[in-house]
Every structure is written in structure tokens, then in C-alpha cells.
Amino acid sequence: MLVFEGLLPFVAPSAWREAFRKATELGDGQLRFIGLSTMIVGVLLLIVSRSF
């Protein structure tokens, strides 16, 4: 997981900084939705990876 998290700051630090700045301007509801969506995608990836 940390490999994926570190990929964008390593490859495109200015784009990562801008995305992080925009994320700080989002409302609580929007951040919660993004967090929930990310968790669901993660669980689905775990389920799919266990199928192989």
C-alpha cells in the first residue's frame, strides 16, 4: 500500500502537492465520501486478489 501512496509524490511532486491542497479545501462530507469510496475499492481489491 505504501508503494502506491509514495508513487505520486515521487513521480509528480507538484501535482501531488496541488491535489493535497485541493483536498484540504473539501468539506467533511466530501472527505468522508472519498474515504468510504477508497475503503470499498480496497476491500473489493482484496476480495478479487484472493480469488486468484
PDB file of N, CA and C in Angstrom:
ATOM      1  N   MET A   1       0.820  -1.185   0.000  1.00  0.00           N
ATOM      2  CA  MET A   1       0.000   0.000   0.000  1.00  0.00           C
ATOM      3  C   MET A   1       0.869   1.256   0.000  1.00  0.00           C
ATOM      4  N   LEU A   2       1.916   1.254   0.794  1.00  0.00           N
ATOM      5  CA  LEU A   2       2.764   2.435   0.864  1.00  0.00           C
ATOM      6  C   LEU A   2       3.490   2.706  -0.447  1.00  0.00           C
ATOM      7  N   VAL A   3       3.732   1.652  -1.224  1.00  0.00           N
ATOM      8  CA  VAL A   3       4.352   1.842  -2.532  1.00  0.00           C
ATOM      9  C   VAL A   3       3.442   2.697  -3.404  1.00  0.00           C
ATOM     10  N   PHE A   4       2.149   2.396  -3.409  1.00  0.00           N
ATOM     11  CA  PHE A   4       1.204   3.164  -4.211  1.00  0.00           C
ATOM     12  C   PHE A   4       1.061   4.588  -3.686  1.00  0.00           C
ATOM     13  N   GLU A   5       1.052   4.737  -2.356  1.00  0.00           N
ATOM     14  CA  GLU A   5       0.921   6.074  -1.780  1.00  0.00           C
ATOM     15  C   GLU A   5       2.144   6.936  -2.084  1.00  0.00           C
ATOM     16  N   GLY A   6       3.305   6.339  -2.160  1.00  0.00           N
ATOM     17  CA  GLY A   6       4.521   7.094  -2.423  1.00  0.00           C
ATOM     18  C   GLY A   6       4.800   7.329  -3.889  1.00  0.00           C
ATOM     19  N   LEU A   7       4.058   6.656  -4.758  1.00  0.00           N
ATOM     20  CA  LEU A   7       4.323   6.751  -6.192  1.00  0.00           C
ATOM     21  C   LEU A   7       4.082   8.158  -6.746  1.00  0.00           C
ATOM     22  N   LEU A   8       2.945   8.746  -6.444  1.00  0.00           N
ATOM     23  CA  LEU A   8       2.626  10.070  -6.996  1.00  0.00           C
ATOM     24  C   LEU A   8       3.573  11.157  -6.480  1.00  0.00           C
ATOM     25  N   PRO A   9       3.859  11.238  -5.172  1.00  0.00           N
ATOM     26  CA  PRO A   9       4.816  12.266  -4.740  1.00  0.00           C
ATOM     27  C   PRO A   9       6.210  12.070  -5.345  1.00  0.00           C
ATOM     28  N   PHE A  10       6.582  10.839  -5.624  1.00  0.00           N
ATOM     29  CA  PHE A  10       7.886  10.577  -6.223  1.00  0.00           C
ATOM     30  C   PHE A  10       7.928  10.978  -7.689  1.00  0.00           C
ATOM     31  N   VAL A  11       6.865  10.628  -8.429  1.00  0.00           N
ATOM     32  CA  VAL A  11       6.831  10.864  -9.873  1.00  0.00           C
ATOM     33  C   VAL A  11       6.467  12.317 -10.208  1.00  0.00           C
ATOM     34  N   ALA A  12       5.472  12.854  -9.513  1.00  0.00           N
ATOM     35  CA  ALA A  12       4.995  14.208  -9.826  1.00  0.00           C
ATOM     36  C   ALA A  12       4.721  14.977  -8.534  1.00  0.00           C
ATOM     37  N   PRO A  13       5.747  15.467  -7.868  1.00  0.00           N
ATOM     38  CA  PRO A  13       5.548  16.124  -6.579  1.00  0.00           C
ATOM     39  C   PRO A  13       4.673  17.376  -6.647  1.00  0.00           C
ATOM     40  N   SER A  14       4.769  18.149  -7.716  1.00  0.00           N
ATOM     41  CA  SER A  14       3.939  19.360  -7.793  1.00  0.00           C
ATOM     42  C   SER A  14       2.460  19.004  -7.963  1.00  0.00           C
ATOM     43  N   ALA A  15       2.160  17.989  -8.748  1.00  0.00           N
ATOM     44  CA  ALA A  15       0.770  17.547  -8.918  1.00  0.00           C
ATOM     45  C   ALA A  15       0.229  16.987  -7.606  1.00  0.00           C
ATOM     46  N   TRP A  16       1.066  16.239  -6.875  1.00  0.00           N
ATOM     47  CA  TRP A  16       0.642  15.692  -5.587  1.00  0.00           C
ATOM     48  C   TRP A  16       0.356  16.820  -4.599  1.00  0.00           C
ATOM     49  N   ARG A  17       1.233  17.826  -4.575  1.00  0.00           N
ATOM     50  CA  ARG A  17       1.057  18.967  -3.662  1.00  0.00           C
ATOM     51  C   ARG A  17      -0.242  19.703  -3.976  1.00  0.00           C
ATOM     52  N   GLU A  18      -0.528  19.901  -5.261  1.00  0.00           N
ATOM     53  CA  GLU A  18      -1.760  20.592  -5.670  1.00  0.00           C
ATOM     54  C   GLU A  18      -2.995  19.766  -5.301  1.00  0.00           C
ATOM     55  N   ALA A  19      -2.943  18.459  -5.515  1.00  0.00           N
ATOM     56  CA  ALA A  19      -4.072  17.595  -5.147  1.00  0.00           C
ATOM     57  C   ALA A  19      -4.299  17.620  -3.640  1.00  0.00           C
ATOM     58  N   PHE A  20      -3.218  17.608  -2.871  1.00  0.00           N
ATOM     59  CA  PHE A  20      -3.332  17.654  -1.416  1.00  0.00           C
ATOM     60  C   PHE A  20      -3.913  18.998  -0.969  1.00  0.00           C
ATOM     61  N   ARG A  21      -3.495  20.089  -1.609  1.00  0.00           N
ATOM     62  CA  ARG A  21      -4.030  21.410  -1.272  1.00  0.00           C
ATOM     63  C   ARG A  21      -5.536  21.468  -1.537  1.00  0.00           C
ATOM     64  N   LYS A  22      -5.947  20.914  -2.679  1.00  0.00           N
ATOM     65  CA  LYS A  22      -7.375  20.901  -3.001  1.00  0.00           C
ATOM     66  C   LYS A  22      -8.153  20.038  -2.013  1.00  0.00           C
ATOM     67  N   ALA A  23      -7.556  18.948  -1.560  1.00  0.00           N
ATOM     68  CA  ALA A  23      -8.229  18.062  -0.603  1.00  0.00           C
ATOM     69  C   ALA A  23      -8.479  18.782   0.718  1.00  0.00           C
ATOM     70  N   THR A  24      -7.585  19.690   1.103  1.00  0.00           N
ATOM     71  CA  THR A  24      -7.788  20.416   2.357  1.00  0.00           C
ATOM     72  C   THR A  24      -8.941  21.399   2.267  1.00  0.00           C
ATOM     73  N   GLU A  25      -9.358  21.747   1.063  1.00  0.00           N
ATOM     74  CA  GLU A  25     -10.463  22.679   0.882  1.00  0.00           C
ATOM     75  C   GLU A  25     -11.824  21.981   0.803  1.00  0.00           C
ATOM     76  N   LEU A  26     -11.836  20.655   0.752  1.00  0.00           N
ATOM     77  CA  LEU A  26     -13.095  19.915   0.669  1.00  0.00           C
ATOM     78  C   LEU A  26     -13.811  19.934   2.013  1.00  0.00           C
ATOM     79  N   GLY A  27     -15.109  19.795   1.958  1.00  0.00           N
ATOM     80  CA  GLY A  27     -15.902  19.725   3.172  1.00  0.00           C
ATOM     81  C   GLY A  27     -15.796  18.351   3.821  1.00  0.00           C
ATOM     82  N   ASP A  28     -16.281  18.269   5.061  1.00  0.00           N
ATOM     83  CA  ASP A  28     -16.224  16.998   5.788  1.00  0.00           C
ATOM     84  C   ASP A  28     -16.977  15.892   5.073  1.00  0.00           C
ATOM     85  N   GLY A  29     -18.153  16.209   4.550  1.00  0.00           N
ATOM     86  CA  GLY A  29     -18.952  15.207   3.846  1.00  0.00           C
ATOM     87  C   GLY A  29     -18.250  14.667   2.612  1.00  0.00           C
ATOM     88  N   GLN A  30     -17.599  15.556   1.879  1.00  0.00           N
ATOM     89  CA  GLN A  30     -16.876  15.138   0.678  1.00  0.00           C
ATOM     90  C   GLN A  30     -15.688  14.245   1.044  1.00  0.00           C
ATOM     91  N   LEU A  31     -14.967  14.627   2.089  1.00  0.00           N
ATOM     92  CA  LEU A  31     -13.833  13.800   2.525  1.00  0.00           C
ATOM     93  C   LEU A  31     -14.289  12.433   3.013  1.00  0.00           C
ATOM     94  N   ARG A  32     -15.420  12.400   3.721  1.00  0.00           N
ATOM     95  CA  ARG A  32     -15.952  11.117   4.192  1.00  0.00           C
ATOM     96  C   ARG A  32     -16.346  10.229   3.014  1.00  0.00           C
ATOM     97  N   PHE A  33     -16.959  10.828   1.991  1.00  0.00           N
ATOM     98  CA  PHE A  33     -17.346  10.064   0.811  1.00  0.00           C
ATOM     99  C   PHE A  33     -16.116   9.498   0.102  1.00  0.00           C
ATOM    100  N   ILE A  34     -15.081  10.305  -0.037  1.00  0.00           N
ATOM    101  CA  ILE A  34     -13.843   9.837  -0.663  1.00  0.00           C
ATOM    102  C   ILE A  34     -13.227   8.712   0.166  1.00  0.00           C
ATOM    103  N   GLY A  35     -13.220   8.887   1.495  1.00  0.00           N
ATOM    104  CA  GLY A  35     -12.675   7.845   2.366  1.00  0.00           C
ATOM    105  C   GLY A  35     -13.457   6.552   2.265  1.00  0.00           C
ATOM    106  N   LEU A  36     -14.780   6.644   2.273  1.00  0.00           N
ATOM    107  CA  LEU A  36     -15.622   5.456   2.153  1.00  0.00           C
ATOM    108  C   LEU A  36     -15.411   4.774   0.807  1.00  0.00           C
ATOM    109  N   SER A  37     -15.366   5.568  -0.252  1.00  0.00           N
ATOM    110  CA  SER A  37     -15.152   5.006  -1.591  1.00  0.00           C
ATOM    111  C   SER A  37     -13.808   4.288  -1.664  1.00  0.00           C
ATOM    112  N   THR A  38     -12.791   4.884  -1.089  1.00  0.00           N
ATOM    113  CA  THR A  38     -11.463   4.283  -1.097  1.00  0.00           C
ATOM    114  C   THR A  38     -11.453   2.970  -0.323  1.00  0.00           C
ATOM    115  N   MET A  39     -12.127   2.944   0.816  1.00  0.00           N
ATOM    116  CA  MET A  39     -12.194   1.705   1.594  1.00  0.00           C
ATOM    117  C   MET A  39     -12.922   0.608   0.838  1.00  0.00           C
ATOM    118  N   ILE A  40     -14.011   0.955   0.169  1.00  0.00           N
ATOM    119  CA  ILE A  40     -14.769  -0.040  -0.595  1.00  0.00           C
ATOM    120  C   ILE A  40     -13.916  -0.596  -1.734  1.00  0.00           C
ATOM    121  N   VAL A  41     -13.217   0.267  -2.442  1.00  0.00           N
ATOM    122  CA  VAL A  41     -12.339  -0.192  -3.523  1.00  0.00           C
ATOM    123  C   VAL A  41     -11.257  -1.115  -2.953  1.00  0.00           C
ATOM    124  N   GLY A  42     -10.692  -0.755  -1.805  1.00  0.00           N
ATOM    125  CA  GLY A  42      -9.671  -1.594  -1.182  1.00  0.00           C
ATOM    126  C   GLY A  42     -10.191  -2.969  -0.814  1.00  0.00           C
ATOM    127  N   VAL A  43     -11.387  -3.024  -0.239  1.00  0.00           N
ATOM    128  CA  VAL A  43     -11.981  -4.312   0.125  1.00  0.00           C
ATOM    129  C   VAL A  43     -12.258  -5.138  -1.133  1.00  0.00           C
ATOM    130  N   LEU A  44     -12.772  -4.494  -2.172  1.00  0.00           N
ATOM    131  CA  LEU A  44     -13.033  -5.216  -3.422  1.00  0.00           C
ATOM    132  C   LEU A  44     -11.740  -5.764  -4.023  1.00  0.00           C
ATOM    133  N   LEU A  45     -10.663  -4.980  -3.967  1.00  0.00           N
ATOM    134  CA  LEU A  45      -9.377  -5.465  -4.472  1.00  0.00           C
ATOM    135  C   LEU A  45      -8.872  -6.652  -3.657  1.00  0.00           C
ATOM    136  N   LEU A  46      -9.083  -6.622  -2.357  1.00  0.00           N
ATOM    137  CA  LEU A  46      -8.695  -7.772  -1.532  1.00  0.00           C
ATOM    138  C   LEU A  46      -9.489  -9.016  -1.897  1.00  0.00           C
ATOM    139  N   ILE A  47     -10.782  -8.847  -2.096  1.00  0.00           N
ATOM    140  CA  ILE A  47     -11.630  -9.993  -2.458  1.00  0.00           C
ATOM    141  C   ILE A  47     -11.229 -10.558  -3.808  1.00  0.00           C
ATOM    142  N   VAL A  48     -10.992  -9.670  -4.772  1.00  0.00           N
ATOM    143  CA  VAL A  48     -10.592 -10.123  -6.104  1.00  0.00           C
ATOM    144  C   VAL A  48      -9.226 -10.806  -6.064  1.00  0.00           C
ATOM    145  N   SER A  49      -8.297 -10.260  -5.299  1.00  0.00           N
ATOM    146  CA  SER A  49      -6.949 -10.836  -5.249  1.00  0.00           C
ATOM    147  C   SER A  49      -6.955 -12.213  -4.581  1.00  0.00           C
ATOM    148  N   ARG A  50      -7.873 -12.458  -3.687  1.00  0.00           N
ATOM    149  CA  ARG A  50      -7.963 -13.769  -3.040  1.00  0.00           C
ATOM    150  C   ARG A  50      -8.600 -14.815  -3.957  1.00  0.00           C
ATOM    151  N   SER A  51      -9.275 -14.342  -5.005  1.00  0.00           N
ATOM    152  CA  SER A  51      -9.905 -15.264  -5.945  1.00  0.00           C
ATOM    153  C   SER A  51      -8.889 -15.925  -6.857  1.00  0.00           C
ATOM    154  N   PHE A  52      -7.723 -15.312  -7.010  1.00  0.00           N
ATOM    155  CA  PHE A  52      -6.712 -15.845  -7.932  1.00  0.00           C
ATOM    156  C   PHE A  52      -5.730 -16.660  -7.216  1.00  0.00           C
TER     157      PHE A  52
END
